[in-house]
Amino acid sequence: MTGLEQEELQRLVDDCRRQDRNAQRALYERFYARVRHLASRLAGSDEAEDVTQNVFLQLFRNLDRFRGEAKFETWLYRLTINEAFQQRRRRRRWNMASLRDEQTPASGGETRRLDQREMLDRALAGLAEDLRILFVLREVESLSYRELAEATGIPEGTVASRLNRARQELRERMRILGWDD
């Protein structure tokens, strides 16, 4: 993000702190897709919308707690991570079965792509939460090691070693599931 974009974001955050509804809407629209995508990867597609809405509710309630020591996006990722795992814990506590959306039959190439995506999602779901968080934030959201350390609260060196472990475990899980590429 350029300096100008950072200044624009800071003005938007400041306006949100003053309860400016237009600024809140603009901030929501700017970050909705990224939060929703991360929530889907961490909590599952069935829970992603609830997680996303809760993240933005928390964001607007607690925006005064954002001190600007880290990037706004890093703080927002931390909120998303926390909410995604709280949602998973709540769901486990109630022992609710997940209902997958019915998918319509697809063509051969599309079916293969869906199968590979499902395989990747299953392999990711099998990783320990701390490894999955790091992997998704690095590979999907493209956070730097420093940003990962800030978002997760762990040292950069630990980030690197855990990412390595996540990749190894994911590769092994994919192999077991029959990944052939």
N, C-alpha and C. Protein backbone atom coordinates (compact mmCIF):
# COMPACT_ATOMS: atom_id res chain seq x y z
N MET A 1 0.85 -1.16 0.00
CA MET A 1 0.00 0.00 0.00
C MET A 1 0.90 1.23 0.00
N THR A 2 0.61 2.16 -0.86
CA THR A 2 1.42 3.37 -0.95
C THR A 2 1.14 4.29 0.23
N GLY A 3 2.01 5.29 0.40
CA GLY A 3 1.82 6.25 1.48
C GLY A 3 0.50 6.98 1.36
N LEU A 4 0.13 7.32 0.14
CA LEU A 4 -1.12 8.02 -0.10
C LEU A 4 -2.32 7.13 0.28
N GLU A 5 -2.24 5.86 -0.08
CA GLU A 5 -3.31 4.92 0.26
C GLU A 5 -3.40 4.74 1.78
N GLN A 6 -2.25 4.72 2.46
CA GLN A 6 -2.23 4.61 3.92
C GLN A 6 -2.89 5.82 4.56
N GLU A 7 -2.58 7.01 4.03
CA GLU A 7 -3.18 8.24 4.56
C GLU A 7 -4.69 8.22 4.35
N GLU A 8 -5.12 7.78 3.18
CA GLU A 8 -6.55 7.68 2.88
C GLU A 8 -7.24 6.70 3.83
N LEU A 9 -6.60 5.57 4.07
CA LEU A 9 -7.15 4.58 4.99
C LEU A 9 -7.22 5.16 6.40
N GLN A 10 -6.19 5.88 6.82
CA GLN A 10 -6.18 6.47 8.15
C GLN A 10 -7.32 7.48 8.31
N ARG A 11 -7.57 8.29 7.27
CA ARG A 11 -8.69 9.24 7.32
C ARG A 11 -10.02 8.49 7.43
N LEU A 12 -10.13 7.39 6.69
CA LEU A 12 -11.34 6.58 6.73
C LEU A 12 -11.55 6.00 8.14
N VAL A 13 -10.50 5.48 8.73
CA VAL A 13 -10.57 4.93 10.09
C VAL A 13 -10.96 6.03 11.08
N ASP A 14 -10.36 7.20 10.95
CA ASP A 14 -10.68 8.32 11.83
C ASP A 14 -12.15 8.72 11.70
N ASP A 15 -12.65 8.75 10.47
CA ASP A 15 -14.06 9.08 10.25
C ASP A 15 -14.96 8.00 10.85
N CYS A 16 -14.55 6.76 10.76
CA CYS A 16 -15.33 5.67 11.37
C CYS A 16 -15.38 5.81 12.89
N ARG A 17 -14.29 6.24 13.47
CA ARG A 17 -14.26 6.47 14.92
C ARG A 17 -15.26 7.54 15.34
N ARG A 18 -15.53 8.47 14.44
CA ARG A 18 -16.50 9.54 14.71
C ARG A 18 -17.93 9.10 14.33
N GLN A 19 -18.10 7.80 14.07
CA GLN A 19 -19.41 7.22 13.77
C GLN A 19 -19.99 7.70 12.44
N ASP A 20 -19.13 8.06 11.50
CA ASP A 20 -19.58 8.48 10.17
C ASP A 20 -20.04 7.23 9.41
N ARG A 21 -21.35 7.16 9.15
CA ARG A 21 -21.93 5.99 8.49
C ARG A 21 -21.38 5.77 7.08
N ASN A 22 -21.13 6.84 6.35
CA ASN A 22 -20.57 6.70 5.00
C ASN A 22 -19.16 6.11 5.06
N ALA A 23 -18.39 6.53 6.03
CA ALA A 23 -17.04 5.99 6.20
C ALA A 23 -17.10 4.52 6.60
N GLN A 24 -18.02 4.19 7.50
CA GLN A 24 -18.17 2.79 7.90
C GLN A 24 -18.54 1.92 6.70
N ARG A 25 -19.46 2.41 5.89
CA ARG A 25 -19.86 1.66 4.69
C ARG A 25 -18.66 1.50 3.75
N ALA A 26 -17.89 2.57 3.57
CA ALA A 26 -16.73 2.52 2.68
C ALA A 26 -15.67 1.53 3.20
N LEU A 27 -15.44 1.54 4.51
CA LEU A 27 -14.47 0.60 5.09
C LEU A 27 -14.95 -0.84 4.94
N TYR A 28 -16.24 -1.05 5.19
CA TYR A 28 -16.84 -2.38 5.02
C TYR A 28 -16.68 -2.86 3.58
N GLU A 29 -17.03 -2.00 2.63
CA GLU A 29 -16.94 -2.40 1.22
C GLU A 29 -15.50 -2.64 0.79
N ARG A 30 -14.59 -1.89 1.34
CA ARG A 30 -13.18 -2.03 0.98
C ARG A 30 -12.58 -3.36 1.46
N PHE A 31 -13.02 -3.84 2.63
CA PHE A 31 -12.40 -5.02 3.21
C PHE A 31 -13.29 -6.25 3.29
N TYR A 32 -14.56 -6.13 2.91
CA TYR A 32 -15.49 -7.25 3.03
C TYR A 32 -14.97 -8.52 2.34
N ALA A 33 -14.59 -8.42 1.09
CA ALA A 33 -14.20 -9.62 0.32
C ALA A 33 -12.99 -10.31 0.96
N ARG A 34 -12.02 -9.54 1.42
CA ARG A 34 -10.82 -10.13 2.03
C ARG A 34 -11.16 -10.84 3.34
N VAL A 35 -11.99 -10.19 4.16
CA VAL A 35 -12.39 -10.80 5.43
C VAL A 35 -13.21 -12.05 5.17
N ARG A 36 -14.14 -11.98 4.24
CA ARG A 36 -15.01 -13.13 3.91
C ARG A 36 -14.19 -14.31 3.41
N HIS A 37 -13.22 -14.03 2.56
CA HIS A 37 -12.38 -15.09 2.01
C HIS A 37 -11.56 -15.75 3.12
N LEU A 38 -10.96 -14.96 3.97
CA LEU A 38 -10.17 -15.51 5.08
C LEU A 38 -11.07 -16.30 6.03
N ALA A 39 -12.24 -15.76 6.33
CA ALA A 39 -13.18 -16.45 7.22
C ALA A 39 -13.59 -17.80 6.64
N SER A 40 -13.79 -17.84 5.33
CA SER A 40 -14.16 -19.09 4.68
C SER A 40 -13.05 -20.13 4.82
N ARG A 41 -11.82 -19.69 4.63
CA ARG A 41 -10.67 -20.60 4.75
C ARG A 41 -10.44 -21.09 6.17
N LEU A 42 -10.74 -20.26 7.15
CA LEU A 42 -10.46 -20.62 8.54
C LEU A 42 -11.63 -21.30 9.24
N ALA A 43 -12.85 -20.87 8.95
CA ALA A 43 -14.01 -21.41 9.66
C ALA A 43 -14.87 -22.30 8.78
N GLY A 44 -14.64 -22.28 7.47
CA GLY A 44 -15.44 -23.06 6.56
C GLY A 44 -16.47 -22.18 5.87
N SER A 45 -16.86 -22.58 4.69
CA SER A 45 -17.78 -21.75 3.90
C SER A 45 -19.15 -21.61 4.56
N ASP A 46 -19.56 -22.61 5.33
CA ASP A 46 -20.86 -22.55 5.99
C ASP A 46 -20.93 -21.44 7.04
N GLU A 47 -19.80 -21.13 7.65
CA GLU A 47 -19.75 -20.17 8.74
C GLU A 47 -19.20 -18.81 8.33
N ALA A 48 -18.69 -18.70 7.11
CA ALA A 48 -17.94 -17.51 6.70
C ALA A 48 -18.75 -16.22 6.79
N GLU A 49 -20.00 -16.25 6.39
CA GLU A 49 -20.79 -15.01 6.42
C GLU A 49 -21.04 -14.54 7.85
N ASP A 50 -21.37 -15.48 8.75
CA ASP A 50 -21.57 -15.10 10.15
C ASP A 50 -20.27 -14.53 10.74
N VAL A 51 -19.16 -15.19 10.46
CA VAL A 51 -17.87 -14.72 10.97
C VAL A 51 -17.60 -13.31 10.43
N THR A 52 -17.81 -13.11 9.16
CA THR A 52 -17.54 -11.82 8.53
C THR A 52 -18.38 -10.72 9.18
N GLN A 53 -19.66 -10.97 9.36
CA GLN A 53 -20.52 -9.96 9.97
C GLN A 53 -20.07 -9.65 11.40
N ASN A 54 -19.71 -10.69 12.15
CA ASN A 54 -19.25 -10.48 13.52
C ASN A 54 -17.94 -9.70 13.57
N VAL A 55 -17.06 -9.96 12.61
CA VAL A 55 -15.79 -9.23 12.55
C VAL A 55 -16.06 -7.74 12.37
N PHE A 56 -16.95 -7.39 11.46
CA PHE A 56 -17.21 -5.97 11.23
C PHE A 56 -17.96 -5.34 12.40
N LEU A 57 -18.81 -6.08 13.06
CA LEU A 57 -19.45 -5.55 14.28
C LEU A 57 -18.38 -5.25 15.33
N GLN A 58 -17.47 -6.20 15.53
CA GLN A 58 -16.38 -5.98 16.49
C GLN A 58 -15.49 -4.83 16.07
N LEU A 59 -15.19 -4.76 14.79
CA LEU A 59 -14.33 -3.70 14.28
C LEU A 59 -14.91 -2.33 14.65
N PHE A 60 -16.17 -2.11 14.36
CA PHE A 60 -16.76 -0.80 14.60
C PHE A 60 -16.97 -0.53 16.09
N ARG A 61 -17.19 -1.58 16.88
CA ARG A 61 -17.31 -1.40 18.33
C ARG A 61 -15.96 -1.09 18.98
N ASN A 62 -14.90 -1.67 18.44
CA ASN A 62 -13.59 -1.60 19.09
C ASN A 62 -12.55 -0.80 18.33
N LEU A 63 -12.98 -0.01 17.38
CA LEU A 63 -12.04 0.73 16.55
C LEU A 63 -11.15 1.68 17.37
N ASP A 64 -11.68 2.14 18.50
CA ASP A 64 -10.87 3.02 19.34
C ASP A 64 -9.68 2.28 19.97
N ARG A 65 -9.72 0.95 19.97
CA ARG A 65 -8.59 0.15 20.50
C ARG A 65 -7.46 -0.01 19.50
N PHE A 66 -7.74 0.27 18.23
CA PHE A 66 -6.68 0.20 17.21
C PHE A 66 -5.79 1.41 17.39
N ARG A 67 -4.54 1.15 17.78
CA ARG A 67 -3.61 2.22 18.10
C ARG A 67 -2.68 2.57 16.95
N GLY A 68 -2.73 1.83 15.87
CA GLY A 68 -1.90 2.14 14.73
C GLY A 68 -0.47 1.64 14.84
N GLU A 69 -0.18 0.80 15.83
CA GLU A 69 1.18 0.26 15.98
C GLU A 69 1.48 -0.76 14.89
N ALA A 70 0.47 -1.44 14.43
CA ALA A 70 0.58 -2.37 13.30
C ALA A 70 -0.30 -1.81 12.18
N LYS A 71 -0.17 -2.38 11.00
CA LYS A 71 -1.03 -1.96 9.90
C LYS A 71 -2.48 -2.31 10.23
N PHE A 72 -3.38 -1.50 9.73
CA PHE A 72 -4.81 -1.74 9.95
C PHE A 72 -5.20 -3.13 9.47
N GLU A 73 -4.70 -3.53 8.29
CA GLU A 73 -5.04 -4.83 7.73
C GLU A 73 -4.61 -5.96 8.66
N THR A 74 -3.45 -5.82 9.29
CA THR A 74 -2.96 -6.84 10.22
C THR A 74 -3.90 -6.96 11.41
N TRP A 75 -4.34 -5.82 11.93
CA TRP A 75 -5.28 -5.82 13.04
C TRP A 75 -6.61 -6.47 12.63
N LEU A 76 -7.06 -6.16 11.42
CA LEU A 76 -8.30 -6.74 10.91
C LEU A 76 -8.16 -8.25 10.72
N TYR A 77 -7.01 -8.72 10.24
CA TYR A 77 -6.78 -10.16 10.13
C TYR A 77 -6.83 -10.82 11.50
N ARG A 78 -6.26 -10.16 12.51
CA ARG A 78 -6.28 -10.72 13.87
C ARG A 78 -7.72 -10.86 14.36
N LEU A 79 -8.55 -9.83 14.13
CA LEU A 79 -9.97 -9.92 14.50
C LEU A 79 -10.64 -11.11 13.79
N THR A 80 -10.33 -11.29 12.52
CA THR A 80 -10.94 -12.36 11.72
C THR A 80 -10.50 -13.72 12.23
N ILE A 81 -9.21 -13.86 12.51
CA ILE A 81 -8.70 -15.13 13.05
C ILE A 81 -9.41 -15.46 14.35
N ASN A 82 -9.46 -14.51 15.26
CA ASN A 82 -10.10 -14.75 16.56
C ASN A 82 -11.57 -15.13 16.40
N GLU A 83 -12.29 -14.41 15.58
CA GLU A 83 -13.72 -14.69 15.40
C GLU A 83 -13.94 -16.04 14.71
N ALA A 84 -13.11 -16.36 13.73
CA ALA A 84 -13.26 -17.65 13.03
C ALA A 84 -13.10 -18.81 14.00
N PHE A 85 -12.13 -18.73 14.88
CA PHE A 85 -11.93 -19.83 15.80
C PHE A 85 -12.91 -19.83 16.96
N GLN A 86 -13.42 -18.67 17.34
CA GLN A 86 -14.50 -18.66 18.32
C GLN A 86 -15.75 -19.31 17.72
N GLN A 87 -16.00 -19.02 16.47
CA GLN A 87 -17.16 -19.62 15.78
C GLN A 87 -17.01 -21.15 15.72
N ARG A 88 -15.81 -21.61 15.40
CA ARG A 88 -15.57 -23.06 15.34
C ARG A 88 -15.77 -23.70 16.72
N ARG A 89 -15.30 -23.04 17.77
CA ARG A 89 -15.48 -23.57 19.13
C ARG A 89 -16.95 -23.60 19.51
N ARG A 90 -17.67 -22.53 19.17
CA ARG A 90 -19.11 -22.51 19.48
C ARG A 90 -19.82 -23.65 18.75
N ARG A 91 -19.48 -23.86 17.50
CA ARG A 91 -20.12 -24.92 16.72
C ARG A 91 -19.80 -26.29 17.31
N ARG A 92 -18.55 -26.50 17.70
CA ARG A 92 -18.18 -27.77 18.29
C ARG A 92 -18.90 -28.00 19.61
N ARG A 93 -19.05 -26.93 20.39
CA ARG A 93 -19.71 -27.04 21.69
C ARG A 93 -21.14 -27.53 21.52
N TRP A 94 -21.81 -27.06 20.48
CA TRP A 94 -23.19 -27.48 20.23
C TRP A 94 -23.25 -28.73 19.38
N ASN A 95 -22.06 -29.18 18.91
CA ASN A 95 -21.95 -30.41 18.13
C ASN A 95 -22.93 -30.44 16.97
N MET A 96 -22.95 -29.36 16.23
CA MET A 96 -23.85 -29.24 15.09
C MET A 96 -23.18 -29.81 13.86
N ALA A 97 -23.91 -30.58 13.10
CA ALA A 97 -23.39 -31.11 11.85
C ALA A 97 -23.42 -30.02 10.79
N SER A 98 -22.36 -29.94 10.02
CA SER A 98 -22.28 -28.95 8.95
C SER A 98 -23.08 -29.44 7.75
N LEU A 99 -23.88 -28.57 7.20
CA LEU A 99 -24.65 -28.90 6.01
C LEU A 99 -23.98 -28.25 4.82
N ARG A 100 -23.45 -29.04 3.93
CA ARG A 100 -22.79 -28.53 2.73
C ARG A 100 -23.84 -28.12 1.71
N ASP A 101 -23.54 -27.07 0.98
CA ASP A 101 -24.42 -26.67 -0.11
C ASP A 101 -24.40 -27.76 -1.17
N GLU A 102 -25.55 -28.08 -1.69
CA GLU A 102 -25.61 -29.05 -2.77
C GLU A 102 -24.98 -28.43 -4.01
N GLN A 103 -24.13 -29.18 -4.68
CA GLN A 103 -23.50 -28.67 -5.89
C GLN A 103 -24.10 -29.39 -7.10
N THR A 104 -24.32 -28.62 -8.14
CA THR A 104 -24.86 -29.21 -9.35
C THR A 104 -23.74 -29.93 -10.09
N PRO A 105 -24.06 -30.97 -10.82
CA PRO A 105 -23.03 -31.68 -11.57
C PRO A 105 -22.32 -30.72 -12.53
N ALA A 106 -21.03 -30.93 -12.69
CA ALA A 106 -20.21 -30.05 -13.53
C ALA A 106 -19.60 -30.85 -14.66
N SER A 107 -19.04 -30.12 -15.63
CA SER A 107 -18.37 -30.78 -16.75
C SER A 107 -17.07 -31.42 -16.25
N GLY A 108 -16.43 -32.24 -17.09
CA GLY A 108 -15.23 -32.97 -16.72
C GLY A 108 -14.13 -32.11 -16.14
N GLY A 109 -13.71 -31.07 -16.87
CA GLY A 109 -12.64 -30.19 -16.39
C GLY A 109 -13.03 -29.45 -15.13
N GLU A 110 -14.28 -28.99 -15.10
CA GLU A 110 -14.76 -28.27 -13.93
C GLU A 110 -14.88 -29.21 -12.73
N THR A 111 -15.31 -30.45 -12.97
CA THR A 111 -15.41 -31.43 -11.90
C THR A 111 -14.03 -31.69 -11.29
N ARG A 112 -13.03 -31.83 -12.15
CA ARG A 112 -11.67 -32.07 -11.66
C ARG A 112 -11.19 -30.89 -10.81
N ARG A 113 -11.48 -29.66 -11.26
CA ARG A 113 -11.08 -28.49 -10.51
C ARG A 113 -11.80 -28.43 -9.16
N LEU A 114 -13.09 -28.76 -9.15
CA LEU A 114 -13.84 -28.80 -7.89
C LEU A 114 -13.30 -29.88 -6.97
N ASP A 115 -12.97 -31.04 -7.54
CA ASP A 115 -12.41 -32.13 -6.74
C ASP A 115 -11.08 -31.70 -6.11
N GLN A 116 -10.24 -31.03 -6.88
CA GLN A 116 -8.95 -30.57 -6.36
C GLN A 116 -9.16 -29.52 -5.28
N ARG A 117 -10.10 -28.62 -5.49
CA ARG A 117 -10.39 -27.58 -4.49
C ARG A 117 -10.89 -28.22 -3.21
N GLU A 118 -11.79 -29.18 -3.34
CA GLU A 118 -12.32 -29.87 -2.16
C GLU A 118 -11.20 -30.63 -1.44
N MET A 119 -10.31 -31.24 -2.22
CA MET A 119 -9.18 -31.96 -1.64
C MET A 119 -8.28 -31.00 -0.85
N LEU A 120 -8.00 -29.85 -1.43
CA LEU A 120 -7.18 -28.85 -0.76
C LEU A 120 -7.87 -28.36 0.51
N ASP A 121 -9.16 -28.09 0.43
CA ASP A 121 -9.91 -27.64 1.60
C ASP A 121 -9.88 -28.70 2.71
N ARG A 122 -10.03 -29.97 2.34
CA ARG A 122 -9.98 -31.05 3.33
C ARG A 122 -8.60 -31.16 3.95
N ALA A 123 -7.57 -31.03 3.13
CA ALA A 123 -6.20 -31.10 3.64
C ALA A 123 -5.92 -29.92 4.57
N LEU A 124 -6.36 -28.74 4.18
CA LEU A 124 -6.18 -27.55 5.04
C LEU A 124 -6.93 -27.71 6.36
N ALA A 125 -8.14 -28.24 6.29
CA ALA A 125 -8.95 -28.42 7.51
C ALA A 125 -8.28 -29.38 8.48
N GLY A 126 -7.45 -30.28 7.96
CA GLY A 126 -6.76 -31.24 8.82
C GLY A 126 -5.53 -30.70 9.52
N LEU A 127 -5.07 -29.52 9.09
CA LEU A 127 -3.90 -28.93 9.74
C LEU A 127 -4.29 -28.36 11.11
N ALA A 128 -3.33 -28.33 12.00
CA ALA A 128 -3.56 -27.68 13.30
C ALA A 128 -3.91 -26.22 13.02
N GLU A 129 -4.75 -25.62 13.87
CA GLU A 129 -5.23 -24.26 13.65
C GLU A 129 -4.10 -23.27 13.45
N ASP A 130 -3.05 -23.34 14.27
CA ASP A 130 -1.97 -22.36 14.15
C ASP A 130 -1.25 -22.48 12.82
N LEU A 131 -1.10 -23.69 12.31
CA LEU A 131 -0.46 -23.90 11.02
C LEU A 131 -1.35 -23.43 9.88
N ARG A 132 -2.65 -23.72 9.98
CA ARG A 132 -3.60 -23.32 8.94
C ARG A 132 -3.67 -21.80 8.84
N ILE A 133 -3.70 -21.12 9.99
CA ILE A 133 -3.74 -19.66 9.99
C ILE A 133 -2.54 -19.10 9.25
N LEU A 134 -1.36 -19.56 9.61
CA LEU A 134 -0.14 -19.06 8.98
C LEU A 134 -0.13 -19.35 7.48
N PHE A 135 -0.49 -20.56 7.11
CA PHE A 135 -0.47 -20.94 5.69
C PHE A 135 -1.43 -20.06 4.89
N VAL A 136 -2.65 -19.91 5.37
CA VAL A 136 -3.65 -19.14 4.63
C VAL A 136 -3.25 -17.66 4.54
N LEU A 137 -2.78 -17.11 5.65
CA LEU A 137 -2.38 -15.70 5.62
C LEU A 137 -1.19 -15.46 4.70
N ARG A 138 -0.28 -16.42 4.62
CA ARG A 138 0.90 -16.25 3.76
C ARG A 138 0.56 -16.53 2.29
N GLU A 139 -0.03 -17.67 2.03
CA GLU A 139 -0.22 -18.12 0.64
C GLU A 139 -1.46 -17.53 -0.02
N VAL A 140 -2.49 -17.24 0.74
CA VAL A 140 -3.71 -16.71 0.15
C VAL A 140 -3.74 -15.18 0.27
N GLU A 141 -3.40 -14.67 1.44
CA GLU A 141 -3.47 -13.23 1.68
C GLU A 141 -2.14 -12.53 1.41
N SER A 142 -1.07 -13.28 1.17
CA SER A 142 0.26 -12.74 0.82
C SER A 142 0.86 -11.83 1.87
N LEU A 143 0.64 -12.12 3.14
CA LEU A 143 1.26 -11.34 4.19
C LEU A 143 2.75 -11.67 4.27
N SER A 144 3.55 -10.67 4.61
CA SER A 144 4.99 -10.88 4.81
C SER A 144 5.20 -11.62 6.14
N TYR A 145 6.40 -12.12 6.36
CA TYR A 145 6.70 -12.80 7.61
C TYR A 145 6.52 -11.85 8.79
N ARG A 146 6.91 -10.59 8.63
CA ARG A 146 6.76 -9.59 9.68
C ARG A 146 5.27 -9.37 9.98
N GLU A 147 4.45 -9.25 8.94
CA GLU A 147 3.01 -9.07 9.12
C GLU A 147 2.38 -10.31 9.76
N LEU A 148 2.86 -11.48 9.38
CA LEU A 148 2.36 -12.72 10.01
C LEU A 148 2.67 -12.71 11.50
N ALA A 149 3.89 -12.31 11.84
CA ALA A 149 4.28 -12.25 13.25
C ALA A 149 3.38 -11.29 14.01
N GLU A 150 3.09 -10.13 13.42
CA GLU A 150 2.21 -9.15 14.07
C GLU A 150 0.79 -9.68 14.21
N ALA A 151 0.29 -10.32 13.16
CA ALA A 151 -1.10 -10.79 13.17
C ALA A 151 -1.31 -11.95 14.14
N THR A 152 -0.29 -12.77 14.32
CA THR A 152 -0.45 -13.96 15.17
C THR A 152 0.19 -13.81 16.54
N GLY A 153 1.04 -12.80 16.70
CA GLY A 153 1.70 -12.59 17.99
C GLY A 153 2.83 -13.56 18.26
N ILE A 154 3.42 -14.12 17.22
CA ILE A 154 4.57 -15.02 17.41
C ILE A 154 5.79 -14.45 16.70
N PRO A 155 7.00 -14.80 17.16
CA PRO A 155 8.22 -14.26 16.56
C PRO A 155 8.37 -14.68 15.09
N GLU A 156 9.04 -13.82 14.31
CA GLU A 156 9.24 -14.08 12.88
C GLU A 156 9.93 -15.42 12.62
N GLY A 157 10.93 -15.76 13.41
CA GLY A 157 11.63 -17.04 13.23
C GLY A 157 10.69 -18.22 13.43
N THR A 158 9.79 -18.10 14.37
CA THR A 158 8.81 -19.15 14.62
C THR A 158 7.83 -19.22 13.46
N VAL A 159 7.48 -18.07 12.90
CA VAL A 159 6.60 -18.03 11.72
C VAL A 159 7.20 -18.87 10.61
N ALA A 160 8.48 -18.64 10.33
CA ALA A 160 9.16 -19.36 9.25
C ALA A 160 9.16 -20.87 9.49
N SER A 161 9.48 -21.29 10.69
CA SER A 161 9.54 -22.74 10.95
C SER A 161 8.15 -23.37 10.91
N ARG A 162 7.15 -22.66 11.41
CA ARG A 162 5.79 -23.22 11.38
C ARG A 162 5.23 -23.25 9.96
N LEU A 163 5.58 -22.25 9.16
CA LEU A 163 5.14 -22.28 7.76
C LEU A 163 5.75 -23.48 7.04
N ASN A 164 7.00 -23.74 7.30
CA ASN A 164 7.66 -24.89 6.70
C ASN A 164 6.95 -26.18 7.12
N ARG A 165 6.64 -26.29 8.40
CA ARG A 165 5.92 -27.47 8.90
C ARG A 165 4.53 -27.56 8.26
N ALA A 166 3.85 -26.43 8.13
CA ALA A 166 2.51 -26.42 7.52
C ALA A 166 2.58 -26.92 6.09
N ARG A 167 3.56 -26.46 5.34
CA ARG A 167 3.70 -26.89 3.93
C ARG A 167 3.98 -28.38 3.85
N GLN A 168 4.86 -28.87 4.72
CA GLN A 168 5.18 -30.30 4.71
C GLN A 168 3.95 -31.14 5.05
N GLU A 169 3.23 -30.74 6.10
CA GLU A 169 2.05 -31.49 6.50
C GLU A 169 0.96 -31.42 5.43
N LEU A 170 0.79 -30.25 4.83
CA LEU A 170 -0.21 -30.11 3.77
C LEU A 170 0.15 -30.99 2.58
N ARG A 171 1.40 -30.98 2.19
CA ARG A 171 1.86 -31.82 1.08
C ARG A 171 1.57 -33.30 1.38
N GLU A 172 1.85 -33.73 2.60
CA GLU A 172 1.60 -35.13 2.97
C GLU A 172 0.11 -35.44 2.98
N ARG A 173 -0.70 -34.53 3.51
CA ARG A 173 -2.15 -34.75 3.53
C ARG A 173 -2.71 -34.82 2.11
N MET A 174 -2.21 -33.96 1.23
CA MET A 174 -2.65 -33.98 -0.17
C MET A 174 -2.27 -35.31 -0.83
N ARG A 175 -1.08 -35.79 -0.56
CA ARG A 175 -0.63 -37.07 -1.13
C ARG A 175 -1.56 -38.19 -0.66
N ILE A 176 -1.87 -38.21 0.63
CA ILE A 176 -2.75 -39.24 1.18
C ILE A 176 -4.14 -39.18 0.54
N LEU A 177 -4.61 -37.97 0.28
CA LEU A 177 -5.93 -37.80 -0.34
C LEU A 177 -5.94 -38.10 -1.83
N GLY A 178 -4.76 -38.34 -2.41
CA GLY A 178 -4.70 -38.75 -3.82
C GLY A 178 -4.33 -37.66 -4.78
N TRP A 179 -3.74 -36.58 -4.32
CA TRP A 179 -3.31 -35.49 -5.21
C TRP A 179 -2.34 -36.04 -6.23
N ASP A 180 -2.60 -35.79 -7.51
CA ASP A 180 -1.78 -36.40 -8.57
C ASP A 180 -1.04 -35.38 -9.44
N ASP A 181 -1.10 -34.11 -9.10
CA ASP A 181 -0.43 -33.10 -9.93
C ASP A 181 0.98 -32.86 -9.49
